[in-house]
Protein backbone atom coordinates (compact mmCIF):
# COMPACT_ATOMS: atom_id res chain seq x y z
CA MET A 1 -40.26 22.53 29.19
CA LYS A 2 -41.45 20.39 31.99
CA ASN A 3 -42.68 17.60 29.65
CA VAL A 4 -39.40 17.88 27.70
CA LEU A 5 -37.39 17.23 30.83
CA LYS A 6 -39.66 14.33 31.92
CA ILE A 7 -38.99 12.64 28.53
CA VAL A 8 -35.32 13.37 28.61
CA PHE A 9 -34.97 11.89 32.10
CA VAL A 10 -36.77 8.70 31.06
CA ILE A 11 -34.49 8.35 27.96
CA ILE A 12 -31.33 9.03 29.99
CA GLY A 13 -32.63 6.69 32.70
CA ALA A 14 -33.10 3.87 30.13
CA LEU A 15 -29.42 4.57 28.75
CA ILE A 16 -27.32 4.83 31.90
CA GLY A 17 -27.93 1.39 33.34
CA ALA A 18 -25.45 -1.16 34.68
CA GLY A 19 -23.29 -1.32 31.63
CA PHE A 20 -23.00 2.38 31.30
CA ALA A 21 -22.48 3.64 34.92
CA SER A 22 -20.28 0.65 35.72
CA GLY A 23 -17.91 1.56 32.85
CA GLN A 24 -18.28 -1.76 31.00
CA GLU A 25 -20.04 -0.30 27.97
CA ILE A 26 -17.73 2.75 27.64
CA TYR A 27 -14.70 0.48 28.01
CA ILE A 28 -15.80 -2.05 25.32
CA PHE A 29 -17.03 0.46 22.71
CA PHE A 30 -14.88 3.62 23.27
CA PHE A 31 -12.15 3.51 25.90
CA SER A 32 -10.28 0.63 24.21
CA HIS A 33 -9.81 2.80 21.14
CA GLY A 34 -7.80 5.62 22.78
CA ILE A 35 -8.42 9.18 21.48
CA LYS A 36 -10.44 7.74 18.59
CA GLY A 37 -12.89 6.54 21.26
CA LEU A 38 -13.67 10.17 22.11
CA PHE A 39 -14.59 10.86 18.56
CA GLY A 40 -16.73 7.72 18.65
CA ILE A 41 -18.61 9.03 21.65
CA ILE A 42 -19.47 12.17 19.79
CA ILE A 43 -20.51 10.42 16.62
CA SER A 44 -22.54 7.71 18.42
CA SER A 45 -24.41 10.35 20.56
CA VAL A 46 -25.18 12.67 17.61
CA LEU A 47 -26.57 9.57 15.66
CA MET A 48 -28.66 8.64 18.71
CA GLY A 49 -30.03 12.19 18.73
CA VAL A 50 -31.04 11.89 15.09
CA ILE A 51 -32.74 8.48 15.84
CA ILE A 52 -34.63 10.05 18.85
CA TYR A 53 -35.77 13.01 16.71
CA ASN A 54 -37.00 10.80 13.84
CA THR A 55 -38.81 8.54 16.32
CA LEU A 56 -40.52 11.45 17.97
CA LYS A 57 -41.43 12.94 14.48
CA ILE A 58 -43.18 9.70 13.51
CA LEU A 59 -45.05 9.68 16.81
CA ASN A 60 -46.32 13.22 16.10
CA ILE A 61 -47.53 12.33 12.71
CA TYR A 62 -49.08 8.88 13.33
CA LYS A 63 -51.17 7.76 16.30
CA ILE A 64 -48.95 4.91 17.54
CA ASN A 65 -49.56 3.02 20.73
CA SER A 66 -47.17 0.11 20.40
CA TYR A 67 -43.81 -0.90 18.77
CA LYS A 68 -45.71 -3.14 16.40
CA GLN A 69 -47.66 -0.08 15.11
CA PHE A 70 -44.34 1.78 14.78
CA LEU A 71 -43.02 -1.02 12.58
CA ASP A 72 -46.27 -0.88 10.46
CA VAL A 73 -45.31 2.69 9.67
CA ILE A 74 -41.57 2.40 8.90
CA ILE A 75 -42.08 -0.96 7.12
CA GLU A 76 -45.08 -0.55 4.83
CA LYS A 77 -45.03 -3.92 3.33
CA ASN A 78 -43.83 -7.46 4.22
CA ASN A 79 -45.59 -8.42 7.48
CA LYS A 80 -43.16 -11.40 7.98
CA ILE A 81 -40.21 -9.07 8.29
CA LYS A 82 -42.20 -6.76 10.75
CA ASN A 83 -43.16 -9.77 12.85
CA ILE A 84 -39.53 -10.98 13.00
CA ILE A 85 -38.16 -7.64 13.94
CA ASN A 86 -40.87 -7.18 16.60
CA ILE A 87 -40.09 -10.44 18.17
CA VAL A 88 -36.32 -9.85 18.09
CA ILE A 89 -36.66 -6.33 19.67
CA ASN A 90 -38.85 -7.69 22.38
CA ILE A 91 -36.31 -10.46 23.14
CA PHE A 92 -33.52 -7.92 23.30
CA ILE A 93 -35.49 -5.68 25.68
CA LEU A 94 -36.11 -8.65 27.91
CA ILE A 95 -32.56 -9.81 27.81
CA THR A 96 -31.27 -6.37 28.66
CA PHE A 97 -33.72 -6.26 31.64
CA PHE A 98 -32.10 -9.48 32.71
CA ILE A 99 -28.66 -7.87 32.36
CA MET A 100 -29.74 -5.07 34.62
CA ILE A 101 -30.86 -7.60 37.26
CA ALA A 102 -27.53 -9.35 36.91
CA GLY A 103 -25.65 -6.15 37.19
CA PHE A 104 -27.42 -5.22 40.43
CA GLY A 105 -26.34 -8.57 41.94
CA ALA A 106 -22.83 -8.14 40.49
CA TYR A 107 -22.39 -4.82 42.43
CA PHE A 108 -23.31 -6.38 45.66
CA GLU A 109 -20.97 -9.23 45.16
CA GLN A 110 -18.00 -7.12 44.01
CA GLN A 111 -18.36 -4.42 46.71
CA PHE A 112 -19.56 -6.38 49.68
CA GLY A 113 -18.98 -10.03 48.92
CA ILE A 114 -22.71 -10.68 49.13
CA ASN A 115 -24.07 -13.44 46.97
CA SER A 116 -25.22 -11.87 43.69
CA LEU A 117 -28.58 -13.62 43.94
CA ILE A 118 -29.42 -11.54 46.85
CA GLY A 119 -28.92 -8.23 44.95
CA SER A 120 -30.71 -9.63 41.91
CA THR A 121 -33.72 -10.63 43.91
CA ILE A 122 -33.92 -7.12 45.54
CA LEU A 123 -33.96 -5.44 42.17
CA ALA A 124 -36.52 -7.94 40.74
CA ILE A 125 -38.93 -7.17 43.70
CA LEU A 126 -38.47 -3.40 43.39
CA SER A 127 -39.11 -3.62 39.63
CA PHE A 128 -42.33 -5.56 40.10
CA ILE A 129 -43.51 -2.87 42.63
CA ILE A 130 -42.93 -0.10 40.03
CA PHE A 131 -44.57 -2.26 37.16
CA ASN A 132 -47.75 -2.29 39.31
CA LYS A 133 -47.83 1.45 39.15
CA SER A 134 -47.34 1.44 35.34
CA LEU A 135 -46.12 4.46 33.29
CA ARG A 136 -46.78 7.00 36.03
CA GLY A 137 -44.41 5.17 38.34
CA LEU A 138 -41.72 4.99 35.63
CA VAL A 139 -41.80 8.74 34.87
CA LYS A 140 -41.85 9.73 38.53
CA ALA A 141 -38.85 7.46 39.55
CA ASN A 142 -36.76 8.82 36.63
CA GLY A 143 -37.67 12.35 37.34
CA ILE A 144 -36.26 12.05 40.91
CA LEU A 145 -33.24 9.79 40.35
CA VAL A 146 -31.85 10.77 36.89
CA PRO A 147 -30.96 14.46 37.67
CA ILE A 148 -29.12 13.20 40.81
CA LEU A 149 -27.28 10.54 38.70
CA ILE A 150 -26.22 13.10 36.11
CA SER A 151 -25.00 15.59 38.79
CA PHE A 152 -22.83 13.03 40.63
CA LEU A 153 -21.40 11.46 37.49
CA ILE A 154 -20.23 14.89 36.38
CA ILE A 155 -18.74 15.76 39.68
CA ILE A 156 -16.87 12.45 40.00
CA GLY A 157 -15.60 12.76 36.39
CA LEU A 158 -14.25 16.21 36.94
CA LEU A 159 -12.46 15.12 40.17
CA CYS A 160 -10.87 12.24 38.15
CA SER A 161 -9.81 14.63 35.35
CA LYS A 162 -7.19 16.44 37.49
CA GLY A 163 -3.76 15.93 36.11
CA ILE A 164 -4.95 14.42 32.78
CA HIS A 165 -4.06 16.10 29.49
CA VAL A 166 -5.95 15.23 26.31
CA LEU A 167 -2.72 14.61 24.37
CA GLU A 168 -1.62 11.98 26.76
CA LEU A 169 -4.76 9.87 26.62
CA GLN A 170 -3.28 7.40 24.20
CA LYS A 171 -0.72 6.35 26.74
CA TYR A 172 -3.35 4.98 29.14
CA VAL A 173 -5.53 2.78 26.82
CA ILE A 174 -5.43 -0.12 24.55
CA LYS A 175 -4.69 0.96 20.94
CA SER A 176 -6.86 -0.18 18.05
CA ASN A 177 -6.21 -0.03 14.38
CA GLY A 178 -8.34 0.79 11.27
CA LEU A 179 -12.00 1.85 11.49
CA LYS A 180 -13.05 -0.44 14.35
CA TRP A 181 -13.55 2.49 16.55
CA LEU A 182 -16.18 3.87 14.09
CA LEU A 183 -17.89 0.51 13.84
CA ASP A 184 -18.04 0.26 17.55
CA ALA A 185 -19.60 3.78 17.90
CA ILE A 186 -22.30 2.79 15.41
CA LEU A 187 -22.90 -0.53 17.16
CA TYR A 188 -23.21 1.26 20.54
CA CYS A 189 -25.77 3.59 19.00
CA SER A 190 -27.60 0.91 17.17
CA TYR A 191 -28.24 -1.51 20.10
CA ASN A 192 -29.30 1.44 22.29
CA SER A 193 -31.78 2.47 19.58
CA ILE A 194 -33.29 -1.01 19.92
CA LEU A 195 -34.02 -0.14 23.56
CA LEU A 196 -34.82 3.59 23.13
CA ILE A 197 -37.47 3.44 20.52
CA PRO A 198 -39.82 1.22 22.38
CA VAL A 199 -39.25 3.31 25.57
CA ILE A 200 -39.97 6.58 23.65
CA ILE A 201 -43.17 5.06 22.20
CA THR A 202 -44.44 4.45 25.80
CA LEU A 203 -44.08 8.27 26.34
CA LYS A 204 -46.41 9.23 23.54
CA ASP A 205 -48.83 11.11 25.68
CA TYR A 206 -46.10 13.44 26.80
CA ILE A 207 -45.02 14.37 23.31
CA LYS A 208 -46.71 17.51 21.93
CA ASN A 209 -44.97 19.19 18.94
CA LYS A 210 -41.93 19.59 16.63
CA LYS A 211 -40.26 22.19 18.91
CA GLN A 212 -40.36 19.59 21.80
CA ASN A 213 -38.83 16.97 19.58
CA ILE A 214 -35.84 19.19 18.74
CA LEU A 215 -35.32 20.13 22.41
CA ILE A 216 -35.60 16.58 23.58
CA SER A 217 -33.15 15.26 20.93
CA ALA A 218 -30.64 18.05 21.49
CA ILE A 219 -30.63 18.00 25.31
CA THR A 220 -30.38 14.13 25.32
CA THR A 221 -27.44 14.20 22.90
CA ILE A 222 -25.57 16.71 24.95
CA ILE A 223 -26.15 14.92 28.24
CA VAL A 224 -24.99 11.51 26.70
CA ILE A 225 -21.85 13.12 25.37
CA ILE A 226 -20.89 14.64 28.74
CA LEU A 227 -21.67 11.53 30.77
CA SER A 228 -19.81 9.26 28.39
CA ILE A 229 -16.77 11.48 28.49
CA MET A 230 -17.06 11.55 32.32
CA ILE A 231 -16.95 7.82 32.52
CA TYR A 232 -14.15 7.60 29.94
CA ILE A 233 -12.10 9.95 32.25
CA ILE A 234 -12.86 7.81 35.29
CA LEU A 235 -11.51 4.71 33.44
CA LEU A 236 -8.19 6.48 32.98
CA LYS A 237 -7.62 5.91 36.69
CA VAL A 238 -7.71 2.10 36.40
CA TYR A 239 -4.15 0.88 37.15
CA VAL A 240 -4.84 -2.83 37.17
CA ASP A 241 -5.95 -5.23 34.42
CA ILE A 242 -9.31 -3.61 33.46
CA THR A 243 -10.50 -6.71 31.61
CA LYS A 244 -10.76 -8.59 34.98
CA LEU A 245 -13.11 -6.06 36.51
CA GLU A 246 -16.83 -6.49 36.34
CA MET A 247 -17.39 -2.75 37.15
CA PRO A 248 -14.18 -0.82 36.44
CA ALA A 249 -15.69 2.73 37.19
CA VAL A 250 -16.73 1.36 40.66
CA TYR A 251 -13.25 0.13 41.19
CA VAL A 252 -11.76 3.51 40.55
CA VAL A 253 -14.10 5.49 42.74
CA SER A 254 -13.84 2.90 45.59
CA ASN A 255 -10.03 3.31 45.52
CA MET A 256 -9.57 7.00 44.83
CA PHE A 257 -12.51 8.60 46.71
CA LYS A 258 -13.44 6.54 49.84
CA LEU A 259 -16.06 9.05 50.91
CA LEU A 260 -17.55 9.27 47.43
CA SER A 261 -17.71 5.44 46.92
CA ILE A 262 -21.00 5.26 48.86
CA ILE A 263 -22.47 7.92 46.62
CA TYR A 264 -21.14 6.18 43.56
CA GLY A 265 -22.64 2.99 44.80
CA PHE A 266 -26.01 4.74 44.97
CA ILE A 267 -25.41 6.04 41.41
CA ILE A 268 -24.74 2.47 40.12
CA LEU A 269 -27.71 0.96 41.83
CA ALA A 270 -30.09 3.83 40.93
CA SER A 271 -29.06 3.85 37.29
CA ILE A 272 -29.55 0.06 37.07
CA PHE A 273 -32.90 0.58 38.70
CA THR A 274 -34.01 3.27 36.21
CA THR A 275 -33.03 1.18 33.24
CA SER A 276 -34.60 -1.97 34.47
CA ILE A 277 -37.96 -0.27 35.05
CA SER A 278 -37.79 1.57 31.73
CA LEU A 279 -37.09 -1.65 29.79
CA GLY A 280 -39.49 -3.75 31.88
CA THR A 281 -42.34 -1.22 31.32
CA SER A 282 -41.54 -1.07 27.59
CA PHE A 283 -41.56 -4.89 27.22
CA LEU A 284 -44.80 -5.23 29.13
CA GLN A 285 -46.55 -2.57 27.15
CA ASN A 286 -45.38 -4.20 23.90
CA THR A 287 -46.53 -7.68 24.87
CA CYS A 288 -49.54 -7.41 27.26
CA ASN A 289 -53.16 -6.90 26.14
CA ASN A 290 -54.80 -6.34 29.51
CA LYS A 291 -54.05 -5.60 33.15
CA LYS A 292 -54.30 -9.28 34.20
CA SER A 293 -51.70 -10.50 31.65
CA TYR A 294 -49.56 -7.42 32.42
CA LEU A 295 -49.24 -8.42 36.08
CA GLN A 296 -48.79 -12.15 35.30
CA ILE A 297 -46.01 -11.52 32.74
CA ALA A 298 -44.30 -9.03 35.06
CA GLY A 299 -44.20 -11.66 37.85
CA ILE A 300 -42.80 -14.29 35.45
CA MET A 301 -40.28 -11.92 34.07
CA CYS A 302 -38.95 -10.81 37.43
CA ILE A 303 -38.63 -14.40 38.69
CA THR A 304 -36.88 -15.53 35.55
CA SER A 305 -34.45 -12.58 35.63
CA VAL A 306 -33.05 -13.70 39.05
CA LEU A 307 -32.34 -17.16 37.60
CA VAL A 308 -30.69 -15.80 34.38
CA SER A 309 -28.51 -13.40 36.45
CA LYS A 310 -26.29 -16.27 37.44
CA ILE A 311 -24.73 -16.28 33.89
CA GLY A 312 -22.81 -13.14 35.03
CA PHE A 313 -23.06 -9.50 34.22
CA SER A 314 -19.91 -8.82 32.11
CA ASN A 315 -20.38 -12.04 30.18
CA LEU A 316 -23.89 -10.92 29.20
CA VAL A 317 -22.69 -7.36 28.18
CA ASN A 318 -19.75 -8.64 26.18
CA ILE A 319 -21.56 -11.38 24.36
CA LEU A 320 -25.06 -10.01 23.67
CA TYR A 321 -24.66 -6.19 23.19
CA PRO A 322 -22.38 -6.40 20.06
CA ILE A 323 -24.75 -8.98 18.50
CA PHE A 324 -27.78 -6.94 18.90
CA GLY A 325 -25.78 -3.91 17.74
CA TYR A 326 -25.51 -5.39 14.27
CA LEU A 327 -29.28 -6.16 14.33
CA GLY A 328 -29.97 -2.56 15.42
CA ILE A 329 -28.20 -1.15 12.37
CA ILE A 330 -30.95 -2.53 10.18
CA GLN A 331 -33.59 -0.66 12.28
CA ILE A 332 -31.52 2.59 12.01
CA ILE A 333 -31.39 2.34 8.22
CA ILE A 334 -35.07 1.59 7.82
CA LEU A 335 -36.03 4.51 10.17
CA ILE A 336 -33.79 7.18 8.56
CA THR A 337 -34.61 6.16 4.95
CA HIS A 338 -38.43 6.12 5.85
CA THR A 339 -38.13 9.70 7.32
CA LYS A 340 -36.18 10.98 4.19
CA LYS A 341 -38.84 9.42 1.94
CA LYS A 342 -41.75 11.01 3.79
CA ASN A 343 -39.98 14.36 3.85
CA ARG A 344 -39.67 14.29 0.00
CA ILE A 345 -43.40 13.48 -0.20
CA MET A 346 -44.47 16.14 2.19
């Protein structure tokens, strides 16, 4: 069970970064659809659990050490397509790492009026320190921080839930028509799968058997559903134009719970940190051949991230996540169809 929790915490740590804990992701993909968004959260989380399980299953069957080898398994032919997908995935992981750096800076600017470059530089330096410790540092950092993040998000969500009735949720949010809520739920899952699969592959040495696979997938799914609903509830307390807020969940906690705002600030910063190191480690293990190139690329990546952060956190989330969401759907289809095919053969 210890190994199961280690893997779950790294997966959750990769998920609840700046976009999630700040409320930006939940607002864009779920909250804007009213009650339908709650169904979207459940569908998206369950689909994510299926993807995690299928990925773990493939890791158990094949001796995979990199994302490129993972693609060799699920795409048996056409090396050109595999190379393109591998490049696109690594680009997305790198861009999302940049988004975490930008989010760290955005928090400092929104809350304290400190230039965002200062916050971004701090996280870039901390990330580089962890990269020097490689995978062990990643697992240890997530094992300490993620349980704290989960606990406080649940507590704050429950505090915000007072006086809210499920049937009244539609009054508080932007209404949407048609099946866009379902598309957004799938997109949210698909772009997260782009991030999660390479992160899970880095944890291959902690994965032992099928029973663990089921537990990891189920526990992760339940936690993601609970945390997403907690953020959704927090957003119900935004009484200004939410589209003008870089971090709407931070705004709510700062205004409603003065004493908890410091704690939530820690949650935001720690969740951004856990995601940045998860993604950074994944990117480095996918692209580096030796220790020397690992450290060199890590340094270049951290310096570049500070420069890119000036584009703006919410701009990066709004523009890039949906685009990569569509690309991630292709990966989901390939993964699920491959697993079904292997099941029939076996």
